[in-house]
Every structure is written in C-alpha cells, then in structure tokens.
Protein backbone atom coordinates (compact mmCIF):
# COMPACT_ATOMS: atom_id res chain seq x y z
CA MET A 1 118.76 66.91 53.60
CA ALA A 2 116.46 68.44 56.16
CA GLU A 3 113.81 70.63 55.54
CA THR A 4 114.44 74.36 55.96
CA PRO A 5 111.94 75.37 58.95
CA SER A 6 108.66 77.37 57.69
CA ASP A 7 107.43 80.62 59.28
CA LEU A 8 104.31 78.37 60.95
CA ASP A 9 107.33 76.35 62.25
CA ARG A 10 109.16 79.02 63.69
CA LEU A 11 106.17 80.57 65.55
CA LEU A 12 105.19 76.91 66.87
CA GLU A 13 109.17 76.58 68.59
CA GLY A 14 108.84 79.71 69.51
CA LEU A 15 105.35 79.57 71.34
CA ALA A 16 106.67 76.30 73.02
CA ALA A 17 109.83 78.07 74.18
CA ALA A 18 107.99 80.72 75.74
CA ALA A 19 105.15 78.45 77.21
CA GLU A 20 106.29 77.93 80.59
CA ARG A 21 106.09 80.54 83.86
CA THR A 22 109.63 81.48 84.65
CA ARG A 23 110.38 82.07 80.73
CA LEU A 24 107.64 84.16 80.62
CA ARG A 25 108.90 86.02 83.34
CA LEU A 26 112.45 86.49 81.60
CA LEU A 27 110.97 87.66 78.78
CA ALA A 28 109.51 90.39 80.75
CA VAL A 29 112.72 91.03 82.54
CA CYS A 30 114.71 91.09 79.65
CA ALA A 31 112.14 93.42 77.71
CA GLU A 32 113.91 96.06 80.48
CA GLY A 33 117.55 96.14 79.26
CA GLU A 34 120.74 93.62 79.22
CA TRP A 35 121.34 91.62 82.10
CA THR A 36 123.68 89.36 82.98
CA VAL A 37 123.12 85.49 84.15
CA SER A 38 123.61 87.08 88.23
CA GLU A 39 121.23 89.53 87.97
CA LEU A 40 118.59 87.50 86.60
CA VAL A 41 119.09 85.19 89.07
CA GLU A 42 118.81 87.36 91.94
CA VAL A 43 115.67 88.74 90.21
CA LEU A 44 113.93 85.67 89.84
CA GLY A 45 114.82 83.80 93.27
CA GLN A 46 116.24 80.69 91.28
CA SER A 47 119.14 78.83 91.25
CA GLN A 48 122.06 79.63 88.46
CA PRO A 49 121.83 76.44 86.66
CA SER A 50 118.01 76.17 85.98
CA VAL A 51 118.02 80.14 84.88
CA SER A 52 120.55 79.46 82.68
CA ARG A 53 118.68 76.36 81.12
CA HIS A 54 115.36 78.47 80.62
CA LEU A 55 117.47 80.92 78.99
CA ARG A 56 119.08 78.51 76.30
CA LEU A 57 115.44 77.64 75.48
CA LEU A 58 114.18 81.41 74.38
CA THR A 59 117.69 81.88 72.97
CA GLU A 60 117.39 79.08 70.66
CA ALA A 61 114.05 79.80 69.68
CA GLY A 62 115.06 83.75 68.91
CA LEU A 63 113.35 85.40 71.65
CA LEU A 64 115.97 86.06 73.53
CA GLU A 65 119.39 87.39 72.40
CA ARG A 66 122.89 86.38 73.98
CA PHE A 67 126.37 88.04 73.52
CA ARG A 68 129.14 87.96 75.27
CA GLU A 69 131.66 90.51 75.46
CA GLY A 70 134.82 89.47 77.46
CA SER A 71 134.20 87.31 80.76
CA TRP A 72 130.72 88.57 80.83
CA VAL A 73 127.95 87.30 79.12
CA PHE A 74 124.50 89.33 78.07
CA TYR A 75 120.66 88.41 77.82
CA ARG A 76 118.16 91.21 75.93
CA ARG A 77 115.00 90.66 74.32
CA ALA A 78 115.65 89.99 70.02
CA GLY A 79 115.30 93.27 68.68
CA ARG A 80 115.62 91.46 65.17
CA GLY A 81 115.32 88.16 63.45
CA PRO A 82 112.16 85.61 63.24
CA GLY A 83 111.84 85.47 66.86
CA ALA A 84 111.85 89.77 67.81
CA ALA A 85 107.99 89.96 66.49
CA LEU A 86 107.12 87.20 69.11
CA ALA A 87 108.99 88.20 71.67
CA ARG A 88 107.19 91.81 71.43
CA ALA A 89 103.97 90.56 71.56
CA ILE A 90 104.21 88.37 74.30
CA GLY A 91 105.63 91.00 76.21
CA GLU A 92 102.39 92.61 75.00
CA LEU A 93 100.02 89.83 76.44
CA LEU A 94 101.61 89.59 79.74
CA PRO A 95 99.32 90.48 82.50
CA THR A 96 101.05 93.40 84.26
CA ALA A 97 99.15 93.14 87.08
CA ASP A 98 99.98 89.80 88.14
CA PRO A 99 101.90 89.47 91.36
CA GLN A 100 104.99 87.46 90.35
CA LEU A 101 105.62 89.97 87.61
CA ALA A 102 105.18 92.98 89.91
CA LEU A 103 107.26 91.32 92.69
CA ASP A 104 110.64 90.97 89.48
CA ARG A 105 109.59 94.50 88.72
CA THR A 106 110.22 95.05 92.17
CA ARG A 107 113.34 93.07 92.69
CA LEU A 108 114.52 94.52 89.19
CA ALA A 109 114.66 98.00 90.45
CA ALA A 110 116.39 96.74 93.22
CA VAL A 111 119.38 95.41 91.39
CA ARG A 112 119.05 98.66 88.68
CA ASP A 113 119.42 100.84 91.98
CA ALA A 114 121.81 99.38 93.69
CA ARG A 115 124.08 99.62 90.39
CA ARG A 116 123.30 102.75 89.50
CA SER A 117 124.16 103.87 93.28
CA ARG A 118 127.46 102.25 93.21
CA ILE A 119 128.33 103.91 89.69
CA GLU A 120 126.96 107.80 91.03
CA GLN A 121 128.75 107.34 94.12
CA TRP A 122 132.24 106.67 91.57
CA PHE A 123 131.49 109.60 89.68
CA ASP A 124 131.33 111.99 92.75
CA GLY A 125 134.41 110.53 93.67
CA ARG A 126 136.19 111.27 90.63
CA ALA A 127 134.53 114.35 89.71
CA ALA A 128 137.73 116.67 89.97
CA GLU A 129 139.72 114.52 87.68
CA TRP A 130 136.77 113.67 85.33
CA ASP A 131 137.78 114.86 81.58
CA GLY A 132 141.06 113.08 82.05
CA GLU A 133 139.39 109.99 82.89
CA ARG A 134 137.47 110.08 79.75
CA ASP A 135 140.48 110.49 77.16
CA LEU A 136 141.00 106.46 77.54
CA ALA A 137 141.88 106.29 73.76
CA ALA A 138 142.29 109.32 71.57
CA GLU A 139 143.55 112.30 73.17
CA GLY A 140 140.13 114.72 73.72
CA ALA A 141 141.42 117.53 71.75
CA ARG A 142 141.37 114.81 68.54
CA VAL A 143 137.69 114.07 69.74
CA GLU A 144 136.76 117.71 69.81
CA SER A 145 138.00 118.94 66.73
CA VAL A 146 135.55 115.89 64.85
CA LEU A 147 132.92 117.57 67.40
CA ARG A 148 133.26 121.36 66.68
CA ARG A 149 133.60 119.76 62.45
CA LEU A 150 130.09 118.01 62.97
CA PHE A 151 128.38 121.21 64.07
CA THR A 152 130.13 123.38 62.05
CA GLU A 153 128.87 120.97 58.97
CA VAL A 154 125.15 120.47 60.62
CA ARG A 155 124.77 124.04 62.45
CA PRO A 156 122.25 123.43 65.48
CA THR A 157 120.92 125.89 67.21
CA THR A 158 120.09 123.97 70.52
CA LEU A 159 122.23 120.98 72.07
CA LEU A 160 121.25 118.79 74.66
CA ASP A 161 124.93 116.82 76.05
CA ILE A 162 123.38 113.80 78.60
CA GLY A 163 125.98 112.67 80.81
CA THR A 164 127.55 116.07 80.68
CA GLY A 165 129.75 115.79 83.98
CA THR A 166 131.85 118.34 84.30
CA GLY A 167 130.12 120.41 80.99
CA ARG A 168 133.45 119.80 78.76
CA MET A 169 131.09 119.08 75.95
CA LEU A 170 128.92 122.17 76.50
CA GLU A 171 132.23 124.51 76.28
CA VAL A 172 133.63 122.93 73.13
CA LEU A 173 130.31 123.26 71.44
CA GLY A 174 128.15 125.88 73.19
CA PRO A 175 130.11 128.85 71.74
CA LEU A 176 128.39 126.71 67.98
CA VAL A 177 125.15 126.81 69.37
CA GLY A 178 122.57 129.04 70.67
CA GLU A 179 121.43 127.51 73.50
CA ALA A 180 122.45 124.43 75.55
CA LEU A 181 121.69 121.77 78.39
CA GLY A 182 123.45 119.66 79.89
CA ILE A 183 121.92 116.59 82.38
CA ASP A 184 123.98 114.16 84.78
CA VAL A 185 123.21 112.26 87.84
CA SER A 186 126.05 113.31 90.06
CA PRO A 187 125.32 116.36 92.04
CA ARG A 188 129.24 116.91 92.63
CA MET A 189 129.84 116.45 88.79
CA LEU A 190 126.89 119.25 88.24
CA ALA A 191 128.89 121.51 90.79
CA LEU A 192 132.11 121.47 88.75
CA ALA A 193 130.16 122.13 85.26
CA ARG A 194 128.75 125.01 86.87
CA ALA A 195 131.37 126.32 87.94
CA ASN A 196 133.23 125.65 84.67
CA LEU A 197 130.39 127.32 82.50
CA ASP A 198 130.32 130.39 84.79
CA ARG A 199 134.43 130.49 84.51
CA ALA A 200 133.72 130.26 80.77
CA GLY A 201 131.39 133.35 80.19
CA LEU A 202 128.73 130.58 78.57
CA ARG A 203 125.32 131.93 79.66
CA HIS A 204 123.07 130.24 77.25
CA CYS A 205 124.46 126.61 78.75
CA SER A 206 123.05 125.43 81.85
CA VAL A 207 122.58 122.01 83.49
CA ARG A 208 120.10 119.97 85.58
CA ARG A 209 120.21 116.79 87.41
CA ALA A 210 117.82 114.15 85.25
CA ASP A 211 117.95 110.75 84.35
CA MET A 212 119.18 109.47 81.00
CA TYR A 213 116.67 107.07 80.79
CA ARG A 214 113.54 109.31 81.65
CA LEU A 215 114.39 112.48 80.39
CA PRO A 216 112.39 115.43 81.53
CA LEU A 217 111.95 117.03 78.34
CA PRO A 218 109.34 117.45 75.64
CA ASP A 219 109.58 115.19 72.14
CA SER A 220 111.79 116.81 69.31
CA SER A 221 112.91 119.75 71.74
CA PHE A 222 116.34 119.90 70.35
CA ASP A 223 118.37 120.18 67.14
CA ALA A 224 121.52 118.33 68.22
CA VAL A 225 121.85 115.34 71.37
CA VAL A 226 125.50 114.25 72.13
CA LEU A 227 126.65 111.10 74.21
CA HIS A 228 130.20 111.42 74.75
CA GLN A 229 132.09 108.27 76.64
CA VAL A 230 128.28 107.76 78.62
CA LEU A 231 126.80 104.75 76.61
CA HIS A 232 129.42 101.95 78.14
CA PHE A 233 127.93 102.85 81.44
CA ALA A 234 124.56 101.77 80.56
CA ASP A 235 122.45 98.77 81.80
CA ASP A 236 120.15 99.76 78.33
CA PRO A 237 122.28 101.55 75.85
CA ARG A 238 119.14 101.36 73.40
CA ARG A 239 116.80 102.61 75.97
CA VAL A 240 119.39 105.22 76.49
CA LEU A 241 119.48 105.81 72.48
CA ALA A 242 115.24 105.51 72.13
CA GLU A 243 115.81 108.83 74.75
CA ALA A 244 117.86 110.73 72.91
CA ARG A 245 115.79 110.34 69.49
CA ARG A 246 112.45 111.45 71.27
CA VAL A 247 113.76 114.58 72.43
CA LEU A 248 115.73 115.11 68.60
CA GLY A 249 113.84 117.29 66.47
CA PRO A 250 113.47 116.75 62.28
CA GLY A 251 116.73 117.15 60.61
CA GLY A 252 118.53 116.85 63.91
CA LEU A 253 121.99 115.74 64.84
CA LEU A 254 122.73 112.53 66.97
CA VAL A 255 126.43 111.98 67.92
CA VAL A 256 127.79 108.76 70.05
CA VAL A 257 131.40 109.13 71.40
CA ASP A 258 132.48 105.76 72.57
CA LEU A 259 134.99 103.13 72.62
CA ALA A 260 135.45 100.80 69.93
CA ALA A 261 134.94 96.91 71.45
CA HIS A 262 137.57 95.72 73.47
CA ARG A 263 139.17 93.61 76.46
CA ARG A 264 140.08 95.59 78.50
CA GLU A 265 138.04 93.81 81.67
CA ASP A 266 139.46 96.07 84.30
CA LEU A 267 137.31 98.98 83.16
CA ARG A 268 134.67 96.89 84.96
CA THR A 269 136.51 97.02 88.16
CA GLU A 270 138.04 99.82 88.41
CA ARG A 271 136.30 102.49 86.17
CA ARG A 272 132.89 100.79 86.33
CA HIS A 273 132.34 100.36 82.60
CA ARG A 274 129.19 98.07 82.16
CA ARG A 275 130.20 97.53 78.27
CA LEU A 276 133.45 96.87 77.07
CA GLY A 277 132.81 99.29 73.91
CA PHE A 278 130.50 99.18 71.11
CA GLY A 279 130.76 97.38 67.36
CA GLU A 280 129.91 98.97 64.23
CA GLU A 281 126.90 96.64 63.66
CA GLU A 282 125.57 97.18 66.70
CA ILE A 283 125.48 100.88 66.79
CA ALA A 284 124.21 101.04 63.14
CA GLY A 285 121.63 98.16 64.16
CA TRP A 286 120.17 100.79 67.16
CA PHE A 287 119.86 103.96 64.63
CA ALA A 288 118.47 102.30 62.10
CA GLU A 289 115.63 100.82 64.83
CA LEU A 290 115.52 104.58 65.39
CA GLY A 291 114.88 105.90 62.09
CA LEU A 292 118.29 107.73 62.15
CA LEU A 293 120.02 108.46 59.06
CA PRO A 294 124.15 107.46 59.68
CA ARG A 295 126.86 109.09 58.50
CA PRO A 296 130.23 107.73 58.17
CA PRO A 297 132.22 107.41 61.46
CA PHE A 298 135.16 108.77 62.78
CA ARG A 299 137.87 106.26 64.19
CA LEU A 300 140.58 107.86 66.66
CA PRO A 301 143.01 104.79 67.54
CA GLY A 302 144.72 105.56 70.46
CA ALA A 303 147.68 103.79 72.44
CA GLU A 304 145.34 101.07 73.33
CA LEU A 305 141.87 101.25 72.40
CA THR A 306 139.98 103.33 69.69
CA CYS A 307 137.39 106.01 70.23
CA VAL A 308 134.99 106.18 67.55
CA VAL A 309 132.63 109.39 67.04
CA TRP A 310 129.32 108.16 65.51
CA SER A 311 126.94 110.10 64.22
CA ALA A 312 123.35 110.11 62.45
CA LEU A 313 120.52 112.28 61.21
CA ALA A 314 117.31 112.69 61.88
CA PRO A 315 114.31 112.97 58.83
CA GLY A 316 113.51 116.35 58.59
CA ARG A 317 113.97 119.25 56.85
CA ARG A 318 116.87 119.09 54.29
CA LEU A 319 120.71 119.65 55.60
CA GLU A 320 123.93 119.38 53.76
CA PRO A 321 124.64 116.20 52.57
CA VAL A 322 127.28 114.07 53.40
CA ARG A 323 129.47 111.57 50.50
CA ALA A 324 128.94 108.32 51.59
CA GLY A 325 132.15 106.22 51.88
CA ALA A 326 134.23 104.07 54.01
CA PRO A 327 134.62 105.18 57.64
CA ARG A 328 136.99 108.34 58.10
CA VAL A 329 140.01 108.00 60.19
CA ALA A 330 140.79 111.27 62.08
CA ALA A 331 144.35 112.08 62.00
C-alpha cells in the first residue's frame, strides 16, 4: 500500500513544481484572475503545448486550480487546499520589479483591456433593451420580489448597486433605502439610468462611472451591496466580490443575483458571458473566504435556466436572525 504523502512531501512537490521561470510567471499571472490557456499563451508569448504542460505541473502540485466550464477551461491561483498557502507565499516573494514579470503584467493588462473594451461596446449597443436581456431565466418581477423581501428583512439605509446598467435595481430598491449609488462602465447605460431615476423621482439615488474592480469608495461605506446579473461578465469574480466586501459595513447585506451553472455556450458569443453561471459551492466558498455569513439562497427556475439570489451578512451589529435550512425556492 502506497504511503500517504506527508505535509513535508507536499511542500517539496510544490516547491519543485514552482522552481522554473515560466511556471513562476504563470503563478504571478494566475494570481490576477481566471484565465484561459489561449489568454495565457498571449501573455507569456510561448506555444500552447508548452504553456499547457507548465499549467498541468502547477495544477498537479496544487498551486493552481483548473476548472472546465462548457468548452472553456480556466486556471487561477489555488484558493484552498494544501498548495494554496504555498502559492500565496511564492507570489509574495516574486520580485515585482523584474523586467520579465513587468512585461507579463503589461501584456496581461492589454488582454484584459481589450476584452473589457469589447464588453463595454457590446453594452453600449444594447443599453435600450438591457432590462429585458437580464431576464434570461426567471422573470424580472420574481427576482425583484425576492430582493424587496430581503431588504424589508434587513432594512439597510445605504445601497451600492454594482453594474447598475439602466438603474433598474435602484428603481426597485431605492424606495427602501435612504441613499443609493449605482456604478457602471457604460456611458450609454448611465445616461439611461439617470433618465430613469429622474422620471421615477428618486432624488436620493445617483449613478457614476466606475470600475467594479477598483471602486472609488471608502471601506465600510454601505449597508447593502447588490450585484444583479453582473458576476458572469467578470474575468475575476472573486476580486469583484472582494471589492464589494471591502465597501460593506458591519452587519451589511451582500446580494448576488446570477445564473446557476448551465451549458448555454451561445451566451458567450451572443451576450459576452465569460462564465456559464455559478455553482452553490463556488459562491459559498467565496463568501467563506471573505468572512461573510451566508443566508439560504433563493432558486428561481425558468424555462431553460435557473436564476439564484445568493445573500450573506457581514459580521457586526445584530440583525434579524434567519432560520437555517435548505435553499428556498421562490414561487
């Protein structure tokens, strides 16, 4: 019977896997988000077989996570497991001023900017019909009913809507809070949002252009943060959630509305989705890493896809307790 590797054995395996220039570069790049092999090939300037071999060795050593989603395969730095701590430690030791790592960061920024530019253009071209496009699974009215229920239970006074689009969430939830802000990257979306808020008479709600990865907002500045059908566009969903967590105050409510994991590949080409929904364990794992206390999710089945309303509380002032139990299915 083979012996179970000891912690020391795993450490040696991880160090051996990382002890190569290209693999150190991959660890640095994969600490910056989730990337496909083709994107990593573009950043490193090496052949696909070579990059794939290095990725396999890092994944086998537990330093990277690999996950398949439809026809795409993503890689990211390990967030859990025996190799996660080593991957983070190696990342902290990497010389940021190294010319090769600096060039990789420049190429990575170009890859990221090109993709985000395509997404922004796609949003700008669909601003007028965007609210209808969000109803990919459950009808919008069902989602909005769940959100109103959550906000009635928790009663936040300030709200941040990340990826506000036409401002629909501000229209729905604005009457339940004292002050609300929506942020988006699309100028046409923001122009529509301002018009919609003005028409609704929501003078305490405002919008501004901002990057969801770098919110120009102080820590702990909102009682509630909402991401409504936004996360599946993100190249680094956890980083977006980390920014949302940063601006969430003690006892605050974080709400993520998105699609459950699915196989609709056409949404990548036709609607620029990067992720094909999210699994329960993935969202729960991110909440746990960010120190959030999850509440039972609402699952809203549609004709083809299922929409899920995930929510969690930041530790802090006592709020109304929620009964533990299985995920709720809203009618």
